[in-house]
Amino acid sequence: MLTPLEDFLDLAARFPAVRFILAHWGGLLPEQSPERTIPPNIAFDTAASPLLYGPEVWTRMVAAVGAERILFGSDYPLNLYHRIDPAPNLARFAAEARAALPGPAQEPVLRGNIQQLLPGL
């Protein structure tokens, strides 16, 4: 059974006090539904980015929703670069993020946003 991405917009709007984190950039929800406003309680994680999208996804999504709504996630120990690395390489993924993100977005996306969401990390 499929869950259309639009359903997440409706669910988040109905429950504004709940924080929703959509994995894998939320299937690029802002680009799939450009006519809809993304509720502020929806955040997006970056898990599996190299398997699903090109490195330009970082700047596109920062422009679409803002760096404060993006959480660095990797799906580790999934090997994101299986064509070039025989084993998972989280350092390569973090380097890709740093290279693609605008300077001011790096700290929030890579560390700050999740620390605000889950204090004590």
PDB file of N, CA and C in Angstrom:
ATOM      1  N   MET A   1       0.840  -1.169   0.000  1.00  0.00           N
ATOM      2  CA  MET A   1       0.000   0.000   0.000  1.00  0.00           C
ATOM      3  C   MET A   1       0.891   1.240   0.000  1.00  0.00           C
ATOM      4  N   LEU A   2       0.650   2.140  -0.892  1.00  0.00           N
ATOM      5  CA  LEU A   2       1.438   3.354  -1.007  1.00  0.00           C
ATOM      6  C   LEU A   2       0.908   4.448  -0.082  1.00  0.00           C
ATOM      7  N   THR A   3       1.818   5.279   0.378  1.00  0.00           N
ATOM      8  CA  THR A   3       1.452   6.478   1.123  1.00  0.00           C
ATOM      9  C   THR A   3       1.907   7.664   0.293  1.00  0.00           C
ATOM     10  N   PRO A   4       0.994   8.333  -0.377  1.00  0.00           N
ATOM     11  CA  PRO A   4       1.391   9.484  -1.193  1.00  0.00           C
ATOM     12  C   PRO A   4       2.056  10.562  -0.346  1.00  0.00           C
ATOM     13  N   LEU A   5       3.053  11.219  -0.905  1.00  0.00           N
ATOM     14  CA  LEU A   5       3.764  12.267  -0.179  1.00  0.00           C
ATOM     15  C   LEU A   5       2.824  13.369   0.288  1.00  0.00           C
ATOM     16  N   GLU A   6       1.808  13.653  -0.492  1.00  0.00           N
ATOM     17  CA  GLU A   6       0.836  14.686  -0.118  1.00  0.00           C
ATOM     18  C   GLU A   6       0.191  14.380   1.240  1.00  0.00           C
ATOM     19  N   ASP A   7       0.052  13.104   1.575  1.00  0.00           N
ATOM     20  CA  ASP A   7      -0.554  12.734   2.852  1.00  0.00           C
ATOM     21  C   ASP A   7       0.260  13.267   4.026  1.00  0.00           C
ATOM     22  N   PHE A   8       1.580  13.353   3.878  1.00  0.00           N
ATOM     23  CA  PHE A   8       2.414  13.879   4.961  1.00  0.00           C
ATOM     24  C   PHE A   8       2.146  15.363   5.191  1.00  0.00           C
ATOM     25  N   LEU A   9       1.884  16.093   4.125  1.00  0.00           N
ATOM     26  CA  LEU A   9       1.558  17.508   4.268  1.00  0.00           C
ATOM     27  C   LEU A   9       0.268  17.672   5.062  1.00  0.00           C
ATOM     28  N   ASP A  10      -0.728  16.874   4.736  1.00  0.00           N
ATOM     29  CA  ASP A  10      -2.008  16.951   5.436  1.00  0.00           C
ATOM     30  C   ASP A  10      -1.866  16.524   6.900  1.00  0.00           C
ATOM     31  N   LEU A  11      -1.125  15.459   7.140  1.00  0.00           N
ATOM     32  CA  LEU A  11      -0.925  14.965   8.499  1.00  0.00           C
ATOM     33  C   LEU A  11      -0.191  15.999   9.347  1.00  0.00           C
ATOM     34  N   ALA A  12       0.866  16.584   8.812  1.00  0.00           N
ATOM     35  CA  ALA A  12       1.624  17.589   9.548  1.00  0.00           C
ATOM     36  C   ALA A  12       0.778  18.827   9.835  1.00  0.00           C
ATOM     37  N   ALA A  13      -0.062  19.199   8.905  1.00  0.00           N
ATOM     38  CA  ALA A  13      -0.943  20.354   9.120  1.00  0.00           C
ATOM     39  C   ALA A  13      -1.979  20.071  10.209  1.00  0.00           C
ATOM     40  N   ARG A  14      -2.438  18.829  10.280  1.00  0.00           N
ATOM     41  CA  ARG A  14      -3.430  18.448  11.299  1.00  0.00           C
ATOM     42  C   ARG A  14      -2.831  18.352  12.690  1.00  0.00           C
ATOM     43  N   PHE A  15      -1.517  18.062  12.768  1.00  0.00           N
ATOM     44  CA  PHE A  15      -0.847  17.879  14.057  1.00  0.00           C
ATOM     45  C   PHE A  15       0.381  18.787  14.135  1.00  0.00           C
ATOM     46  N   PRO A  16       0.178  20.087  14.265  1.00  0.00           N
ATOM     47  CA  PRO A  16       1.299  21.029  14.207  1.00  0.00           C
ATOM     48  C   PRO A  16       2.295  20.915  15.361  1.00  0.00           C
ATOM     49  N   ALA A  17       1.913  20.290  16.461  1.00  0.00           N
ATOM     50  CA  ALA A  17       2.829  20.144  17.592  1.00  0.00           C
ATOM     51  C   ALA A  17       3.766  18.945  17.438  1.00  0.00           C
ATOM     52  N   VAL A  18       3.495  18.099  16.452  1.00  0.00           N
ATOM     53  CA  VAL A  18       4.314  16.906  16.219  1.00  0.00           C
ATOM     54  C   VAL A  18       5.381  17.240  15.178  1.00  0.00           C
ATOM     55  N   ARG A  19       6.606  16.819  15.455  1.00  0.00           N
ATOM     56  CA  ARG A  19       7.702  17.037  14.501  1.00  0.00           C
ATOM     57  C   ARG A  19       7.819  15.793  13.622  1.00  0.00           C
ATOM     58  N   PHE A  20       7.716  15.962  12.329  1.00  0.00           N
ATOM     59  CA  PHE A  20       7.831  14.875  11.370  1.00  0.00           C
ATOM     60  C   PHE A  20       9.184  14.978  10.681  1.00  0.00           C
ATOM     61  N   ILE A  21       9.895  13.857  10.611  1.00  0.00           N
ATOM     62  CA  ILE A  21      11.168  13.799   9.892  1.00  0.00           C
ATOM     63  C   ILE A  21      10.979  12.820   8.749  1.00  0.00           C
ATOM     64  N   LEU A  22      11.068  13.326   7.540  1.00  0.00           N
ATOM     65  CA  LEU A  22      10.895  12.485   6.362  1.00  0.00           C
ATOM     66  C   LEU A  22      12.269  12.039   5.879  1.00  0.00           C
ATOM     67  N   ALA A  23      12.461  10.738   5.820  1.00  0.00           N
ATOM     68  CA  ALA A  23      13.741  10.165   5.408  1.00  0.00           C
ATOM     69  C   ALA A  23      13.979  10.373   3.922  1.00  0.00           C
ATOM     70  N   HIS A  24      15.238  10.255   3.538  1.00  0.00           N
ATOM     71  CA  HIS A  24      15.646  10.301   2.131  1.00  0.00           C
ATOM     72  C   HIS A  24      15.151  11.568   1.434  1.00  0.00           C
ATOM     73  N   TRP A  25      15.352  12.690   2.143  1.00  0.00           N
ATOM     74  CA  TRP A  25      14.951  13.995   1.620  1.00  0.00           C
ATOM     75  C   TRP A  25      13.431  14.066   1.381  1.00  0.00           C
ATOM     76  N   GLY A  26      12.682  13.195   2.019  1.00  0.00           N
ATOM     77  CA  GLY A  26      11.237  13.225   1.863  1.00  0.00           C
ATOM     78  C   GLY A  26      10.787  13.024   0.442  1.00  0.00           C
ATOM     79  N   GLY A  27      11.580  12.252  -0.309  1.00  0.00           N
ATOM     80  CA  GLY A  27      11.219  12.021  -1.711  1.00  0.00           C
ATOM     81  C   GLY A  27      11.171  13.310  -2.516  1.00  0.00           C
ATOM     82  N   LEU A  28      11.921  14.311  -2.045  1.00  0.00           N
ATOM     83  CA  LEU A  28      11.942  15.637  -2.683  1.00  0.00           C
ATOM     84  C   LEU A  28      10.545  16.264  -2.681  1.00  0.00           C
ATOM     85  N   LEU A  29       9.857  16.092  -1.581  1.00  0.00           N
ATOM     86  CA  LEU A  29       8.485  16.591  -1.433  1.00  0.00           C
ATOM     87  C   LEU A  29       8.310  18.048  -1.870  1.00  0.00           C
ATOM     88  N   PRO A  30       9.209  18.964  -1.507  1.00  0.00           N
ATOM     89  CA  PRO A  30       9.007  20.346  -1.955  1.00  0.00           C
ATOM     90  C   PRO A  30       8.988  20.489  -3.477  1.00  0.00           C
ATOM     91  N   GLU A  31       9.732  19.651  -4.162  1.00  0.00           N
ATOM     92  CA  GLU A  31       9.737  19.700  -5.625  1.00  0.00           C
ATOM     93  C   GLU A  31       8.551  18.950  -6.220  1.00  0.00           C
ATOM     94  N   GLN A  32       8.068  17.939  -5.501  1.00  0.00           N
ATOM     95  CA  GLN A  32       6.925  17.163  -5.989  1.00  0.00           C
ATOM     96  C   GLN A  32       5.611  17.930  -5.829  1.00  0.00           C
ATOM     97  N   SER A  33       5.569  18.820  -4.836  1.00  0.00           N
ATOM     98  CA  SER A  33       4.351  19.591  -4.554  1.00  0.00           C
ATOM     99  C   SER A  33       4.695  21.069  -4.417  1.00  0.00           C
ATOM    100  N   PRO A  34       5.219  21.686  -5.473  1.00  0.00           N
ATOM    101  CA  PRO A  34       5.671  23.075  -5.349  1.00  0.00           C
ATOM    102  C   PRO A  34       4.553  24.067  -5.042  1.00  0.00           C
ATOM    103  N   GLU A  35       3.329  23.683  -5.343  1.00  0.00           N
ATOM    104  CA  GLU A  35       2.203  24.579  -5.087  1.00  0.00           C
ATOM    105  C   GLU A  35       1.770  24.571  -3.629  1.00  0.00           C
ATOM    106  N   ARG A  36       2.240  23.601  -2.861  1.00  0.00           N
ATOM    107  CA  ARG A  36       1.852  23.470  -1.452  1.00  0.00           C
ATOM    108  C   ARG A  36       2.940  24.011  -0.546  1.00  0.00           C
ATOM    109  N   THR A  37       2.537  24.644   0.526  1.00  0.00           N
ATOM    110  CA  THR A  37       3.475  25.093   1.549  1.00  0.00           C
ATOM    111  C   THR A  37       3.826  23.899   2.424  1.00  0.00           C
ATOM    112  N   ILE A  38       5.097  23.733   2.681  1.00  0.00           N
ATOM    113  CA  ILE A  38       5.538  22.641   3.555  1.00  0.00           C
ATOM    114  C   ILE A  38       5.365  23.115   4.996  1.00  0.00           C
ATOM    115  N   PRO A  39       4.543  22.438   5.788  1.00  0.00           N
ATOM    116  CA  PRO A  39       4.346  22.864   7.177  1.00  0.00           C
ATOM    117  C   PRO A  39       5.681  22.928   7.926  1.00  0.00           C
ATOM    118  N   PRO A  40       5.809  23.875   8.849  1.00  0.00           N
ATOM    119  CA  PRO A  40       7.091  24.066   9.547  1.00  0.00           C
ATOM    120  C   PRO A  40       7.497  22.909  10.442  1.00  0.00           C
ATOM    121  N   ASN A  41       6.589  21.987  10.738  1.00  0.00           N
ATOM    122  CA  ASN A  41       6.928  20.851  11.589  1.00  0.00           C
ATOM    123  C   ASN A  41       7.419  19.643  10.790  1.00  0.00           C
ATOM    124  N   ILE A  42       7.694  19.835   9.508  1.00  0.00           N
ATOM    125  CA  ILE A  42       8.294  18.776   8.696  1.00  0.00           C
ATOM    126  C   ILE A  42       9.759  19.103   8.475  1.00  0.00           C
ATOM    127  N   ALA A  43      10.610  18.122   8.791  1.00  0.00           N
ATOM    128  CA  ALA A  43      12.044  18.213   8.522  1.00  0.00           C
ATOM    129  C   ALA A  43      12.408  17.062   7.584  1.00  0.00           C
ATOM    130  N   PHE A  44      13.597  17.140   7.021  1.00  0.00           N
ATOM    131  CA  PHE A  44      14.036  16.163   6.021  1.00  0.00           C
ATOM    132  C   PHE A  44      15.407  15.635   6.406  1.00  0.00           C
ATOM    133  N   ASP A  45      15.587  14.314   6.327  1.00  0.00           N
ATOM    134  CA  ASP A  45      16.929  13.793   6.552  1.00  0.00           C
ATOM    135  C   ASP A  45      17.585  13.463   5.222  1.00  0.00           C
ATOM    136  N   THR A  46      18.895  13.331   5.277  1.00  0.00           N
ATOM    137  CA  THR A  46      19.706  13.200   4.066  1.00  0.00           C
ATOM    138  C   THR A  46      20.107  11.762   3.772  1.00  0.00           C
ATOM    139  N   ALA A  47      19.531  10.813   4.496  1.00  0.00           N
ATOM    140  CA  ALA A  47      19.940   9.415   4.375  1.00  0.00           C
ATOM    141  C   ALA A  47      19.881   8.923   2.934  1.00  0.00           C
ATOM    142  N   ALA A  48      20.888   8.162   2.568  1.00  0.00           N
ATOM    143  CA  ALA A  48      20.996   7.493   1.268  1.00  0.00           C
ATOM    144  C   ALA A  48      21.100   8.441   0.082  1.00  0.00           C
ATOM    145  N   SER A  49      21.439   9.699   0.323  1.00  0.00           N
ATOM    146  CA  SER A  49      21.515  10.692  -0.763  1.00  0.00           C
ATOM    147  C   SER A  49      22.282  10.209  -1.987  1.00  0.00           C
ATOM    148  N   PRO A  50      23.502   9.688  -1.837  1.00  0.00           N
ATOM    149  CA  PRO A  50      24.256   9.300  -3.038  1.00  0.00           C
ATOM    150  C   PRO A  50      23.613   8.161  -3.833  1.00  0.00           C
ATOM    151  N   LEU A  51      22.797   7.373  -3.180  1.00  0.00           N
ATOM    152  CA  LEU A  51      22.126   6.279  -3.879  1.00  0.00           C
ATOM    153  C   LEU A  51      20.897   6.761  -4.649  1.00  0.00           C
ATOM    154  N   LEU A  52      20.338   7.882  -4.231  1.00  0.00           N
ATOM    155  CA  LEU A  52      19.073   8.343  -4.792  1.00  0.00           C
ATOM    156  C   LEU A  52      19.171   9.606  -5.633  1.00  0.00           C
ATOM    157  N   TYR A  53      20.083  10.501  -5.262  1.00  0.00           N
ATOM    158  CA  TYR A  53      20.142  11.824  -5.883  1.00  0.00           C
ATOM    159  C   TYR A  53      21.594  12.219  -6.147  1.00  0.00           C
ATOM    160  N   GLY A  54      21.790  13.225  -6.935  1.00  0.00           N
ATOM    161  CA  GLY A  54      23.113  13.779  -7.158  1.00  0.00           C
ATOM    162  C   GLY A  54      23.483  14.753  -6.051  1.00  0.00           C
ATOM    163  N   PRO A  55      24.732  15.184  -6.018  1.00  0.00           N
ATOM    164  CA  PRO A  55      25.179  16.087  -4.947  1.00  0.00           C
ATOM    165  C   PRO A  55      24.468  17.441  -4.951  1.00  0.00           C
ATOM    166  N   GLU A  56      23.824  17.805  -6.046  1.00  0.00           N
ATOM    167  CA  GLU A  56      23.114  19.081  -6.100  1.00  0.00           C
ATOM    168  C   GLU A  56      21.870  19.102  -5.208  1.00  0.00           C
ATOM    169  N   VAL A  57      21.439  17.931  -4.718  1.00  0.00           N
ATOM    170  CA  VAL A  57      20.259  17.878  -3.861  1.00  0.00           C
ATOM    171  C   VAL A  57      20.457  18.723  -2.602  1.00  0.00           C
ATOM    172  N   TRP A  58      21.678  18.807  -2.124  1.00  0.00           N
ATOM    173  CA  TRP A  58      21.948  19.581  -0.900  1.00  0.00           C
ATOM    174  C   TRP A  58      21.545  21.044  -1.087  1.00  0.00           C
ATOM    175  N   THR A  59      22.024  21.669  -2.125  1.00  0.00           N
ATOM    176  CA  THR A  59      21.729  23.092  -2.333  1.00  0.00           C
ATOM    177  C   THR A  59      20.270  23.301  -2.759  1.00  0.00           C
ATOM    178  N   ARG A  60      19.724  22.376  -3.515  1.00  0.00           N
ATOM    179  CA  ARG A  60      18.324  22.505  -3.925  1.00  0.00           C
ATOM    180  C   ARG A  60      17.395  22.475  -2.711  1.00  0.00           C
ATOM    181  N   MET A  61      17.636  21.544  -1.809  1.00  0.00           N
ATOM    182  CA  MET A  61      16.753  21.420  -0.656  1.00  0.00           C
ATOM    183  C   MET A  61      16.983  22.532   0.360  1.00  0.00           C
ATOM    184  N   VAL A  62      18.209  22.994   0.523  1.00  0.00           N
ATOM    185  CA  VAL A  62      18.434  24.145   1.397  1.00  0.00           C
ATOM    186  C   VAL A  62      17.659  25.340   0.853  1.00  0.00           C
ATOM    187  N   ALA A  63      17.704  25.534  -0.449  1.00  0.00           N
ATOM    188  CA  ALA A  63      16.964  26.641  -1.060  1.00  0.00           C
ATOM    189  C   ALA A  63      15.456  26.450  -0.901  1.00  0.00           C
ATOM    190  N   ALA A  64      14.992  25.225  -0.965  1.00  0.00           N
ATOM    191  CA  ALA A  64      13.550  24.955  -0.921  1.00  0.00           C
ATOM    192  C   ALA A  64      12.953  25.068   0.479  1.00  0.00           C
ATOM    193  N   VAL A  65      13.662  24.557   1.499  1.00  0.00           N
ATOM    194  CA  VAL A  65      13.065  24.505   2.844  1.00  0.00           C
ATOM    195  C   VAL A  65      13.900  25.183   3.917  1.00  0.00           C
ATOM    196  N   GLY A  66      15.135  25.540   3.616  1.00  0.00           N
ATOM    197  CA  GLY A  66      16.005  26.151   4.613  1.00  0.00           C
ATOM    198  C   GLY A  66      16.851  25.125   5.330  1.00  0.00           C
ATOM    199  N   ALA A  67      18.062  25.509   5.666  1.00  0.00           N
ATOM    200  CA  ALA A  67      19.005  24.598   6.329  1.00  0.00           C
ATOM    201  C   ALA A  67      18.497  24.115   7.684  1.00  0.00           C
ATOM    202  N   GLU A  68      17.684  24.930   8.347  1.00  0.00           N
ATOM    203  CA  GLU A  68      17.213  24.573   9.688  1.00  0.00           C
ATOM    204  C   GLU A  68      16.236  23.398   9.686  1.00  0.00           C
ATOM    205  N   ARG A  69      15.808  22.955   8.524  1.00  0.00           N
ATOM    206  CA  ARG A  69      14.870  21.834   8.450  1.00  0.00           C
ATOM    207  C   ARG A  69      15.493  20.585   7.853  1.00  0.00           C
ATOM    208  N   ILE A  70      16.815  20.572   7.754  1.00  0.00           N
ATOM    209  CA  ILE A  70      17.514  19.424   7.187  1.00  0.00           C
ATOM    210  C   ILE A  70      18.389  18.796   8.259  1.00  0.00           C
ATOM    211  N   LEU A  71      18.274  17.470   8.390  1.00  0.00           N
ATOM    212  CA  LEU A  71      19.031  16.714   9.392  1.00  0.00           C
ATOM    213  C   LEU A  71      19.956  15.728   8.690  1.00  0.00           C
ATOM    214  N   PHE A  72      21.227  15.784   9.026  1.00  0.00           N
ATOM    215  CA  PHE A  72      22.185  14.856   8.427  1.00  0.00           C
ATOM    216  C   PHE A  72      21.868  13.445   8.899  1.00  0.00           C
ATOM    217  N   GLY A  73      21.650  12.558   7.949  1.00  0.00           N
ATOM    218  CA  GLY A  73      21.419  11.151   8.218  1.00  0.00           C
ATOM    219  C   GLY A  73      22.098  10.355   7.128  1.00  0.00           C
ATOM    220  N   SER A  74      22.551   9.157   7.440  1.00  0.00           N
ATOM    221  CA  SER A  74      23.385   8.429   6.483  1.00  0.00           C
ATOM    222  C   SER A  74      22.895   7.027   6.123  1.00  0.00           C
ATOM    223  N   ASP A  75      22.054   6.433   6.932  1.00  0.00           N
ATOM    224  CA  ASP A  75      21.704   5.012   6.807  1.00  0.00           C
ATOM    225  C   ASP A  75      22.914   4.112   7.066  1.00  0.00           C
ATOM    226  N   TYR A  76      23.922   4.636   7.762  1.00  0.00           N
ATOM    227  CA  TYR A  76      25.089   3.831   8.093  1.00  0.00           C
ATOM    228  C   TYR A  76      24.638   2.603   8.864  1.00  0.00           C
ATOM    229  N   PRO A  77      25.122   1.431   8.558  1.00  0.00           N
ATOM    230  CA  PRO A  77      26.280   1.051   7.758  1.00  0.00           C
ATOM    231  C   PRO A  77      25.994   0.729   6.296  1.00  0.00           C
ATOM    232  N   LEU A  78      24.900   1.229   5.764  1.00  0.00           N
ATOM    233  CA  LEU A  78      24.656   1.042   4.339  1.00  0.00           C
ATOM    234  C   LEU A  78      25.809   1.662   3.548  1.00  0.00           C
ATOM    235  N   ASN A  79      26.313   0.936   2.566  1.00  0.00           N
ATOM    236  CA  ASN A  79      27.405   1.445   1.740  1.00  0.00           C
ATOM    237  C   ASN A  79      26.826   2.363   0.671  1.00  0.00           C
ATOM    238  N   LEU A  80      26.999   3.664   0.870  1.00  0.00           N
ATOM    239  CA  LEU A  80      26.436   4.660  -0.034  1.00  0.00           C
ATOM    240  C   LEU A  80      27.218   4.801  -1.331  1.00  0.00           C
ATOM    241  N   TYR A  81      28.435   4.309  -1.330  1.00  0.00           N
ATOM    242  CA  TYR A  81      29.306   4.434  -2.506  1.00  0.00           C
ATOM    243  C   TYR A  81      29.806   3.058  -2.932  1.00  0.00           C
ATOM    244  N   HIS A  82      28.895   2.121  -3.060  1.00  0.00           N
ATOM    245  CA  HIS A  82      29.270   0.731  -3.322  1.00  0.00           C
ATOM    246  C   HIS A  82      30.035   0.549  -4.638  1.00  0.00           C
ATOM    247  N   ARG A  83      29.897   1.478  -5.555  1.00  0.00           N
ATOM    248  CA  ARG A  83      30.622   1.349  -6.828  1.00  0.00           C
ATOM    249  C   ARG A  83      32.090   1.723  -6.708  1.00  0.00           C
ATOM    250  N   ILE A  84      32.432   2.514  -5.680  1.00  0.00           N
ATOM    251  CA  ILE A  84      33.827   2.957  -5.559  1.00  0.00           C
ATOM    252  C   ILE A  84      34.488   2.576  -4.238  1.00  0.00           C
ATOM    253  N   ASP A  85      33.702   2.188  -3.246  1.00  0.00           N
ATOM    254  CA  ASP A  85      34.249   1.779  -1.953  1.00  0.00           C
ATOM    255  C   ASP A  85      33.769   0.374  -1.615  1.00  0.00           C
ATOM    256  N   PRO A  86      34.660  -0.505  -1.182  1.00  0.00           N
ATOM    257  CA  PRO A  86      34.224  -1.860  -0.820  1.00  0.00           C
ATOM    258  C   PRO A  86      33.483  -1.907   0.517  1.00  0.00           C
ATOM    259  N   ALA A  87      33.583  -0.846   1.319  1.00  0.00           N
ATOM    260  CA  ALA A  87      32.956  -0.821   2.639  1.00  0.00           C
ATOM    261  C   ALA A  87      32.290   0.540   2.846  1.00  0.00           C
ATOM    262  N   PRO A  88      31.380   0.626   3.794  1.00  0.00           N
ATOM    263  CA  PRO A  88      30.749   1.915   4.071  1.00  0.00           C
ATOM    264  C   PRO A  88      31.794   2.979   4.400  1.00  0.00           C
ATOM    265  N   ASN A  89      31.558   4.191   3.943  1.00  0.00           N
ATOM    266  CA  ASN A  89      32.518   5.273   4.129  1.00  0.00           C
ATOM    267  C   ASN A  89      31.761   6.538   4.524  1.00  0.00           C
ATOM    268  N   LEU A  90      31.522   6.679   5.820  1.00  0.00           N
ATOM    269  CA  LEU A  90      30.786   7.831   6.322  1.00  0.00           C
ATOM    270  C   LEU A  90      31.571   9.124   6.107  1.00  0.00           C
ATOM    271  N   ALA A  91      32.886   9.056   6.171  1.00  0.00           N
ATOM    272  CA  ALA A  91      33.709  10.256   5.955  1.00  0.00           C
ATOM    273  C   ALA A  91      33.509  10.806   4.543  1.00  0.00           C
ATOM    274  N   ARG A  92      33.382   9.952   3.565  1.00  0.00           N
ATOM    275  CA  ARG A  92      33.156  10.403   2.188  1.00  0.00           C
ATOM    276  C   ARG A  92      31.809  11.130   2.088  1.00  0.00           C
ATOM    277  N   PHE A  93      30.801  10.599   2.751  1.00  0.00           N
ATOM    278  CA  PHE A  93      29.476  11.218   2.712  1.00  0.00           C
ATOM    279  C   PHE A  93      29.498  12.580   3.412  1.00  0.00           C
ATOM    280  N   ALA A  94      30.142  12.669   4.554  1.00  0.00           N
ATOM    281  CA  ALA A  94      30.243  13.950   5.257  1.00  0.00           C
ATOM    282  C   ALA A  94      31.010  14.964   4.414  1.00  0.00           C
ATOM    283  N   ALA A  95      32.049  14.535   3.735  1.00  0.00           N
ATOM    284  CA  ALA A  95      32.811  15.432   2.861  1.00  0.00           C
ATOM    285  C   ALA A  95      31.949  15.911   1.700  1.00  0.00           C
ATOM    286  N   GLU A  96      31.130  15.027   1.143  1.00  0.00           N
ATOM    287  CA  GLU A  96      30.218  15.429   0.066  1.00  0.00           C
ATOM    288  C   GLU A  96      29.261  16.511   0.559  1.00  0.00           C
ATOM    289  N   ALA A  97      28.737  16.330   1.783  1.00  0.00           N
ATOM    290  CA  ALA A  97      27.820  17.314   2.350  1.00  0.00           C
ATOM    291  C   ALA A  97      28.518  18.656   2.530  1.00  0.00           C
ATOM    292  N   ARG A  98      29.712  18.642   3.102  1.00  0.00           N
ATOM    293  CA  ARG A  98      30.448  19.893   3.319  1.00  0.00           C
ATOM    294  C   ARG A  98      30.746  20.599   2.004  1.00  0.00           C
ATOM    295  N   ALA A  99      31.098  19.843   0.988  1.00  0.00           N
ATOM    296  CA  ALA A  99      31.428  20.435  -0.305  1.00  0.00           C
ATOM    297  C   ALA A  99      30.191  21.026  -0.984  1.00  0.00           C
ATOM    298  N   ALA A 100      29.040  20.425  -0.767  1.00  0.00           N
ATOM    299  CA  ALA A 100      27.828  20.847  -1.463  1.00  0.00           C
ATOM    300  C   ALA A 100      27.052  21.929  -0.722  1.00  0.00           C
ATOM    301  N   LEU A 101      27.124  21.925   0.603  1.00  0.00           N
ATOM    302  CA  LEU A 101      26.342  22.880   1.384  1.00  0.00           C
ATOM    303  C   LEU A 101      26.991  24.255   1.395  1.00  0.00           C
ATOM    304  N   PRO A 102      26.176  25.302   1.320  1.00  0.00           N
ATOM    305  CA  PRO A 102      26.732  26.636   1.524  1.00  0.00           C
ATOM    306  C   PRO A 102      27.317  26.721   2.939  1.00  0.00           C
ATOM    307  N   GLY A 103      28.370  27.478   3.113  1.00  0.00           N
ATOM    308  CA  GLY A 103      29.070  27.572   4.401  1.00  0.00           C
ATOM    309  C   GLY A 103      28.173  27.730   5.620  1.00  0.00           C
ATOM    310  N   PRO A 104      27.237  28.713   5.621  1.00  0.00           N
ATOM    311  CA  PRO A 104      26.391  28.904   6.804  1.00  0.00           C
ATOM    312  C   PRO A 104      25.450  27.732   7.086  1.00  0.00           C
ATOM    313  N   ALA A 105      25.200  26.886   6.114  1.00  0.00           N
ATOM    314  CA  ALA A 105      24.286  25.752   6.307  1.00  0.00           C
ATOM    315  C   ALA A 105      24.988  24.533   6.883  1.00  0.00           C
ATOM    316  N   GLN A 106      26.304  24.486   6.822  1.00  0.00           N
ATOM    317  CA  GLN A 106      27.015  23.276   7.226  1.00  0.00           C
ATOM    318  C   GLN A 106      26.799  22.906   8.691  1.00  0.00           C
ATOM    319  N   GLU A 107      26.996  23.836   9.592  1.00  0.00           N
ATOM    320  CA  GLU A 107      26.875  23.522  11.017  1.00  0.00           C
ATOM    321  C   GLU A 107      25.461  23.091  11.388  1.00  0.00           C
ATOM    322  N   PRO A 108      24.427  23.825  10.972  1.00  0.00           N
ATOM    323  CA  PRO A 108      23.077  23.356  11.329  1.00  0.00           C
ATOM    324  C   PRO A 108      22.746  21.985  10.755  1.00  0.00           C
ATOM    325  N   VAL A 109      23.032  21.777   9.493  1.00  0.00           N
ATOM    326  CA  VAL A 109      22.659  20.514   8.855  1.00  0.00           C
ATOM    327  C   VAL A 109      23.464  19.355   9.435  1.00  0.00           C
ATOM    328  N   LEU A 110      24.749  19.520   9.591  1.00  0.00           N
ATOM    329  CA  LEU A 110      25.603  18.408  10.015  1.00  0.00           C
ATOM    330  C   LEU A 110      25.530  18.119  11.512  1.00  0.00           C
ATOM    331  N   ARG A 111      25.135  19.114  12.315  1.00  0.00           N
ATOM    332  CA  ARG A 111      25.152  18.879  13.761  1.00  0.00           C
ATOM    333  C   ARG A 111      24.071  19.637  14.514  1.00  0.00           C
ATOM    334  N   GLY A 112      23.935  20.911  14.266  1.00  0.00           N
ATOM    335  CA  GLY A 112      23.106  21.763  15.102  1.00  0.00           C
ATOM    336  C   GLY A 112      21.634  21.416  15.140  1.00  0.00           C
ATOM    337  N   ASN A 113      21.055  21.084  14.002  1.00  0.00           N
ATOM    338  CA  ASN A 113      19.608  20.814  13.974  1.00  0.00           C
ATOM    339  C   ASN A 113      19.234  19.597  14.806  1.00  0.00           C
ATOM    340  N   ILE A 114      19.991  18.531  14.710  1.00  0.00           N
ATOM    341  CA  ILE A 114      19.663  17.338  15.497  1.00  0.00           C
ATOM    342  C   ILE A 114      19.918  17.570  16.972  1.00  0.00           C
ATOM    343  N   GLN A 115      20.921  18.393  17.311  1.00  0.00           N
ATOM    344  CA  GLN A 115      21.176  18.711  18.711  1.00  0.00           C
ATOM    345  C   GLN A 115      20.029  19.518  19.307  1.00  0.00           C
ATOM    346  N   GLN A 116      19.429  20.386  18.518  1.00  0.00           N
ATOM    347  CA  GLN A 116      18.258  21.125  19.012  1.00  0.00           C
ATOM    348  C   GLN A 116      17.067  20.213  19.174  1.00  0.00           C
ATOM    349  N   LEU A 117      16.897  19.294  18.247  1.00  0.00           N
ATOM    350  CA  LEU A 117      15.770  18.377  18.294  1.00  0.00           C
ATOM    351  C   LEU A 117      15.910  17.364  19.434  1.00  0.00           C
ATOM    352  N   LEU A 118      17.140  16.905  19.654  1.00  0.00           N
ATOM    353  CA  LEU A 118      17.411  15.901  20.699  1.00  0.00           C
ATOM    354  C   LEU A 118      18.507  16.432  21.626  1.00  0.00           C
ATOM    355  N   PRO A 119      18.161  17.334  22.532  1.00  0.00           N
ATOM    356  CA  PRO A 119      19.171  17.889  23.440  1.00  0.00           C
ATOM    357  C   PRO A 119      19.888  16.788  24.211  1.00  0.00           C
ATOM    358  N   GLY A 120      21.146  17.015  24.479  1.00  0.00           N
ATOM    359  CA  GLY A 120      21.928  16.039  25.226  1.00  0.00           C
ATOM    360  C   GLY A 120      22.777  15.150  24.368  1.00  0.00           C
ATOM    361  N   LEU A 121      22.652  15.256  23.055  1.00  0.00           N
ATOM    362  CA  LEU A 121      23.502  14.449  22.173  1.00  0.00           C
ATOM    363  C   LEU A 121      24.909  14.979  22.178  1.00  0.00           C
TER     364      LEU A 121
END
